[in-house]
């Protein structure tokens, strides 16, 4: 599924980067950034409810290029600036983390493990 379809499916709002036709096959959902950093596989899409610069910094360290912030959390200007500086696409949705993961799984996105 491509990023454009994903953003439509979860009614996402774009805050940084761009929504393109990048194909996404796998995703990882977590609010614990320490868990994100222990994943050995490449994470193309991170789904989290952690709405602060720590999620952007973690994505930067883990070479994650797309983040979805769930639960309608407020995206700060600092998050947007850091995501833009790091070439990370930053999306948000009012859906819960569970619902986002469930919808993506239902539409063919696979978990990393």
N, C-alpha and C. Protein backbone atom coordinates (compact mmCIF):
# COMPACT_ATOMS: atom_id res chain seq x y z
N UNK A 1 0.86 -1.16 0.00
CA UNK A 1 0.00 0.00 0.00
C UNK A 1 0.91 1.23 0.00
N UNK A 2 0.51 2.24 -0.73
CA UNK A 2 1.36 3.42 -0.76
C UNK A 2 0.95 4.43 0.31
N UNK A 3 1.84 5.36 0.57
CA UNK A 3 1.64 6.33 1.64
C UNK A 3 0.40 7.20 1.41
N UNK A 4 0.11 7.49 0.18
CA UNK A 4 -1.08 8.29 -0.13
C UNK A 4 -2.35 7.56 0.32
N UNK A 5 -2.43 6.27 0.03
CA UNK A 5 -3.60 5.47 0.42
C UNK A 5 -3.67 5.32 1.93
N UNK A 6 -2.51 5.14 2.55
CA UNK A 6 -2.47 5.03 4.01
C UNK A 6 -3.01 6.30 4.65
N UNK A 7 -2.56 7.44 4.18
CA UNK A 7 -3.00 8.71 4.77
C UNK A 7 -4.50 8.91 4.59
N UNK A 8 -5.04 8.49 3.47
CA UNK A 8 -6.49 8.59 3.26
C UNK A 8 -7.24 7.63 4.17
N UNK A 9 -6.74 6.42 4.30
CA UNK A 9 -7.38 5.39 5.12
C UNK A 9 -7.53 5.82 6.57
N UNK A 10 -6.53 6.51 7.10
CA UNK A 10 -6.56 6.89 8.51
C UNK A 10 -6.90 8.38 8.71
N UNK A 11 -7.34 9.03 7.65
CA UNK A 11 -7.71 10.46 7.71
C UNK A 11 -6.59 11.29 8.32
N UNK A 12 -5.39 11.11 7.80
CA UNK A 12 -4.20 11.76 8.35
C UNK A 12 -4.06 13.20 7.89
N UNK A 13 -3.42 13.97 8.74
CA UNK A 13 -3.05 15.34 8.42
C UNK A 13 -1.53 15.39 8.27
N UNK A 14 -1.06 16.03 7.22
CA UNK A 14 0.37 16.15 6.95
C UNK A 14 0.94 17.36 7.69
N UNK A 15 2.07 17.15 8.41
CA UNK A 15 2.71 18.23 9.15
C UNK A 15 4.12 18.53 8.65
N UNK A 16 4.76 17.54 8.04
CA UNK A 16 6.13 17.72 7.52
C UNK A 16 6.37 16.68 6.43
N UNK A 17 7.26 17.02 5.52
CA UNK A 17 7.57 16.09 4.43
C UNK A 17 6.49 16.12 3.37
N UNK A 18 6.32 14.99 2.70
CA UNK A 18 5.32 14.93 1.64
C UNK A 18 4.68 13.55 1.59
N UNK A 19 3.45 13.54 1.15
CA UNK A 19 2.73 12.29 0.94
C UNK A 19 2.92 11.92 -0.52
N UNK A 20 3.54 10.78 -0.74
CA UNK A 20 3.86 10.38 -2.10
C UNK A 20 3.37 8.95 -2.35
N UNK A 21 3.83 8.38 -3.43
CA UNK A 21 3.42 7.02 -3.79
C UNK A 21 4.37 5.97 -3.26
N UNK A 22 5.18 6.31 -2.24
CA UNK A 22 6.10 5.35 -1.64
C UNK A 22 5.32 4.14 -1.16
N UNK A 23 5.78 2.96 -1.56
CA UNK A 23 5.14 1.73 -1.13
C UNK A 23 5.60 1.36 0.28
N UNK A 24 4.65 1.05 1.13
CA UNK A 24 4.92 0.64 2.50
C UNK A 24 4.45 -0.81 2.64
N UNK A 25 5.35 -1.69 3.05
CA UNK A 25 5.00 -3.09 3.23
C UNK A 25 4.93 -3.47 4.71
N UNK A 26 5.76 -2.82 5.54
CA UNK A 26 5.84 -3.14 6.95
C UNK A 26 5.68 -1.89 7.80
N UNK A 27 5.21 -2.06 9.03
CA UNK A 27 5.10 -0.95 9.98
C UNK A 27 5.37 -1.47 11.38
N UNK A 28 5.67 -0.53 12.27
CA UNK A 28 5.92 -0.85 13.67
C UNK A 28 5.19 0.17 14.52
N UNK A 29 4.43 -0.30 15.51
CA UNK A 29 3.70 0.59 16.40
C UNK A 29 4.22 0.50 17.82
N UNK A 30 4.57 1.64 18.41
CA UNK A 30 5.07 1.64 19.78
C UNK A 30 5.09 3.06 20.34
N UNK A 31 4.83 3.16 21.63
CA UNK A 31 5.03 4.43 22.35
C UNK A 31 6.37 4.44 23.07
N UNK A 32 7.03 3.29 23.12
CA UNK A 32 8.33 3.19 23.78
C UNK A 32 9.44 3.31 22.74
N UNK A 33 10.13 4.42 22.74
CA UNK A 33 11.17 4.64 21.75
C UNK A 33 12.35 3.69 21.96
N UNK A 34 12.53 3.22 23.20
CA UNK A 34 13.59 2.23 23.43
C UNK A 34 13.28 0.94 22.68
N UNK A 35 12.00 0.58 22.56
CA UNK A 35 11.62 -0.60 21.77
C UNK A 35 11.91 -0.38 20.29
N UNK A 36 11.67 0.81 19.81
CA UNK A 36 11.93 1.13 18.41
C UNK A 36 13.42 0.96 18.10
N UNK A 37 14.26 1.40 19.01
CA UNK A 37 15.70 1.33 18.78
C UNK A 37 16.26 -0.09 18.85
N UNK A 38 15.51 -1.03 19.41
CA UNK A 38 15.99 -2.42 19.49
C UNK A 38 15.61 -3.25 18.27
N UNK A 39 14.77 -2.71 17.40
CA UNK A 39 14.35 -3.45 16.21
C UNK A 39 15.53 -3.52 15.24
N UNK A 40 15.85 -4.73 14.82
CA UNK A 40 17.00 -4.92 13.94
C UNK A 40 16.66 -4.69 12.48
N UNK A 41 15.40 -4.86 12.10
CA UNK A 41 14.98 -4.65 10.72
C UNK A 41 14.75 -3.18 10.44
N UNK A 42 14.75 -2.84 9.18
CA UNK A 42 14.42 -1.48 8.77
C UNK A 42 12.94 -1.21 9.03
N UNK A 43 12.63 -0.05 9.59
CA UNK A 43 11.25 0.32 9.88
C UNK A 43 10.85 1.44 8.92
N UNK A 44 10.03 1.13 7.91
CA UNK A 44 9.64 2.19 6.99
C UNK A 44 8.58 3.13 7.55
N UNK A 45 7.78 2.63 8.51
CA UNK A 45 6.67 3.42 9.05
C UNK A 45 6.55 3.17 10.54
N UNK A 46 6.61 4.25 11.33
CA UNK A 46 6.44 4.17 12.78
C UNK A 46 5.10 4.78 13.14
N UNK A 47 4.33 4.04 13.93
CA UNK A 47 3.04 4.53 14.44
C UNK A 47 3.19 4.67 15.94
N UNK A 48 2.94 5.86 16.46
CA UNK A 48 3.15 6.11 17.88
C UNK A 48 2.17 7.18 18.39
N UNK A 49 2.02 7.21 19.68
CA UNK A 49 1.26 8.27 20.33
C UNK A 49 2.17 9.25 21.04
N UNK A 50 3.46 9.05 20.93
CA UNK A 50 4.44 9.92 21.57
C UNK A 50 4.64 11.17 20.73
N UNK A 51 4.02 12.24 21.15
CA UNK A 51 4.04 13.48 20.38
C UNK A 51 5.03 14.48 20.98
N UNK A 52 6.30 14.20 20.74
CA UNK A 52 7.34 15.16 21.12
C UNK A 52 8.55 14.92 20.22
N UNK A 53 9.57 15.74 20.41
CA UNK A 53 10.74 15.64 19.52
C UNK A 53 11.50 14.33 19.70
N UNK A 54 11.29 13.64 20.83
CA UNK A 54 11.96 12.37 21.04
C UNK A 54 11.58 11.35 19.96
N UNK A 55 10.34 11.35 19.54
CA UNK A 55 9.93 10.41 18.49
C UNK A 55 10.62 10.75 17.17
N UNK A 56 10.82 12.02 16.90
CA UNK A 56 11.51 12.44 15.67
C UNK A 56 12.99 12.06 15.76
N UNK A 57 13.60 12.33 16.89
CA UNK A 57 15.02 11.98 17.09
C UNK A 57 15.24 10.47 16.98
N UNK A 58 14.33 9.70 17.54
CA UNK A 58 14.43 8.24 17.46
C UNK A 58 14.31 7.79 16.01
N UNK A 59 13.36 8.35 15.29
CA UNK A 59 13.20 8.00 13.87
C UNK A 59 14.45 8.34 13.09
N UNK A 60 15.05 9.46 13.41
CA UNK A 60 16.29 9.88 12.75
C UNK A 60 17.40 8.85 13.00
N UNK A 61 17.54 8.39 14.22
CA UNK A 61 18.57 7.42 14.58
C UNK A 61 18.31 6.05 13.95
N UNK A 62 17.03 5.69 13.79
CA UNK A 62 16.67 4.37 13.27
C UNK A 62 16.40 4.38 11.76
N UNK A 63 16.70 5.49 11.10
CA UNK A 63 16.47 5.62 9.65
C UNK A 63 15.02 5.38 9.26
N UNK A 64 14.10 5.88 10.05
CA UNK A 64 12.67 5.79 9.76
C UNK A 64 12.29 7.05 9.01
N UNK A 65 11.62 6.91 7.88
CA UNK A 65 11.32 8.11 7.09
C UNK A 65 9.87 8.58 7.19
N UNK A 66 9.00 7.81 7.90
CA UNK A 66 7.61 8.24 8.05
C UNK A 66 7.12 7.90 9.45
N UNK A 67 6.48 8.89 10.08
CA UNK A 67 5.90 8.72 11.42
C UNK A 67 4.44 9.12 11.37
N UNK A 68 3.60 8.29 12.00
CA UNK A 68 2.20 8.64 12.21
C UNK A 68 2.01 8.82 13.71
N UNK A 69 1.56 10.00 14.11
CA UNK A 69 1.24 10.28 15.50
C UNK A 69 -0.26 10.05 15.68
N UNK A 70 -0.60 9.13 16.57
CA UNK A 70 -1.99 8.74 16.78
C UNK A 70 -2.64 9.49 17.94
N UNK A 71 -3.89 9.21 18.15
CA UNK A 71 -4.69 9.70 19.28
C UNK A 71 -4.93 11.21 19.28
N UNK A 72 -4.83 11.85 18.12
CA UNK A 72 -5.14 13.27 18.03
C UNK A 72 -4.20 14.17 18.82
N UNK A 73 -3.00 13.68 19.06
CA UNK A 73 -2.02 14.47 19.82
C UNK A 73 -1.62 15.72 19.04
N UNK A 74 -1.32 16.78 19.77
CA UNK A 74 -0.91 18.05 19.16
C UNK A 74 0.53 17.94 18.64
N UNK A 75 0.74 18.35 17.43
CA UNK A 75 2.06 18.37 16.81
C UNK A 75 2.63 19.77 16.99
N UNK A 76 3.80 19.85 17.61
CA UNK A 76 4.39 21.15 17.88
C UNK A 76 5.21 21.65 16.68
N UNK A 77 5.47 22.92 16.68
CA UNK A 77 6.31 23.51 15.64
C UNK A 77 7.72 22.91 15.68
N UNK A 78 8.21 22.65 16.88
CA UNK A 78 9.53 22.04 17.03
C UNK A 78 9.59 20.66 16.38
N UNK A 79 8.51 19.89 16.53
CA UNK A 79 8.44 18.57 15.88
C UNK A 79 8.44 18.72 14.37
N UNK A 80 7.66 19.67 13.87
CA UNK A 80 7.59 19.88 12.42
C UNK A 80 8.93 20.34 11.87
N UNK A 81 9.58 21.26 12.56
CA UNK A 81 10.88 21.75 12.10
C UNK A 81 11.93 20.64 12.08
N UNK A 82 11.97 19.85 13.14
CA UNK A 82 12.94 18.76 13.23
C UNK A 82 12.66 17.69 12.17
N UNK A 83 11.39 17.37 11.94
CA UNK A 83 11.03 16.39 10.91
C UNK A 83 11.44 16.90 9.53
N UNK A 84 11.17 18.16 9.24
CA UNK A 84 11.57 18.73 7.95
C UNK A 84 13.09 18.72 7.79
N UNK A 85 13.81 19.10 8.84
CA UNK A 85 15.27 19.11 8.78
C UNK A 85 15.84 17.70 8.58
N UNK A 86 15.11 16.68 9.05
CA UNK A 86 15.58 15.29 8.99
C UNK A 86 14.98 14.52 7.81
N UNK A 87 14.24 15.21 6.94
CA UNK A 87 13.57 14.56 5.80
C UNK A 87 12.66 13.43 6.23
N UNK A 88 11.90 13.67 7.28
CA UNK A 88 10.95 12.69 7.79
C UNK A 88 9.54 13.21 7.53
N UNK A 89 8.71 12.34 6.97
CA UNK A 89 7.30 12.69 6.77
C UNK A 89 6.59 12.48 8.09
N UNK A 90 5.87 13.51 8.54
CA UNK A 90 5.18 13.48 9.82
C UNK A 90 3.69 13.66 9.59
N UNK A 91 2.94 12.64 9.97
CA UNK A 91 1.49 12.66 9.83
C UNK A 91 0.85 12.52 11.20
N UNK A 92 -0.39 12.97 11.33
CA UNK A 92 -1.14 12.74 12.57
C UNK A 92 -2.55 12.31 12.22
N UNK A 93 -3.17 11.60 13.16
CA UNK A 93 -4.54 11.16 13.00
C UNK A 93 -5.23 11.18 14.36
N UNK A 94 -6.53 11.33 14.34
CA UNK A 94 -7.29 11.28 15.58
C UNK A 94 -7.57 9.84 16.01
N UNK A 95 -7.30 8.89 15.14
CA UNK A 95 -7.53 7.47 15.46
C UNK A 95 -6.56 7.01 16.55
N UNK A 96 -6.99 6.01 17.31
CA UNK A 96 -6.11 5.43 18.33
C UNK A 96 -4.99 4.64 17.66
N UNK A 97 -3.94 4.38 18.42
CA UNK A 97 -2.83 3.58 17.93
C UNK A 97 -3.34 2.20 17.52
N UNK A 98 -4.20 1.62 18.32
CA UNK A 98 -4.77 0.31 18.04
C UNK A 98 -5.55 0.31 16.73
N UNK A 99 -6.36 1.34 16.53
CA UNK A 99 -7.17 1.41 15.31
C UNK A 99 -6.29 1.60 14.07
N UNK A 100 -5.29 2.45 14.15
CA UNK A 100 -4.39 2.66 13.02
C UNK A 100 -3.70 1.35 12.66
N UNK A 101 -3.14 0.68 13.65
CA UNK A 101 -2.46 -0.59 13.40
C UNK A 101 -3.42 -1.62 12.82
N UNK A 102 -4.62 -1.69 13.36
CA UNK A 102 -5.62 -2.63 12.88
C UNK A 102 -6.03 -2.37 11.44
N UNK A 103 -6.28 -1.11 11.12
CA UNK A 103 -6.65 -0.76 9.74
C UNK A 103 -5.54 -1.07 8.75
N UNK A 104 -4.32 -0.72 9.12
CA UNK A 104 -3.20 -0.98 8.22
C UNK A 104 -3.00 -2.49 8.03
N UNK A 105 -3.10 -3.25 9.10
CA UNK A 105 -2.97 -4.71 9.01
C UNK A 105 -4.08 -5.28 8.13
N UNK A 106 -5.27 -4.79 8.33
CA UNK A 106 -6.44 -5.25 7.55
C UNK A 106 -6.25 -4.97 6.06
N UNK A 107 -5.50 -3.95 5.74
CA UNK A 107 -5.28 -3.56 4.34
C UNK A 107 -3.92 -4.01 3.80
N UNK A 108 -3.30 -4.98 4.47
CA UNK A 108 -2.12 -5.62 3.91
C UNK A 108 -0.76 -5.19 4.43
N UNK A 109 -0.71 -4.22 5.32
CA UNK A 109 0.58 -3.83 5.91
C UNK A 109 0.96 -4.90 6.92
N UNK A 110 2.19 -5.36 6.86
CA UNK A 110 2.65 -6.45 7.72
C UNK A 110 3.41 -5.93 8.93
N UNK A 111 3.29 -6.64 10.06
CA UNK A 111 4.11 -6.28 11.22
C UNK A 111 5.55 -6.73 10.99
N UNK A 112 6.49 -6.08 11.64
CA UNK A 112 7.89 -6.47 11.51
C UNK A 112 8.16 -7.82 12.14
N UNK A 113 7.46 -8.15 13.20
CA UNK A 113 7.58 -9.46 13.83
C UNK A 113 6.36 -9.76 14.64
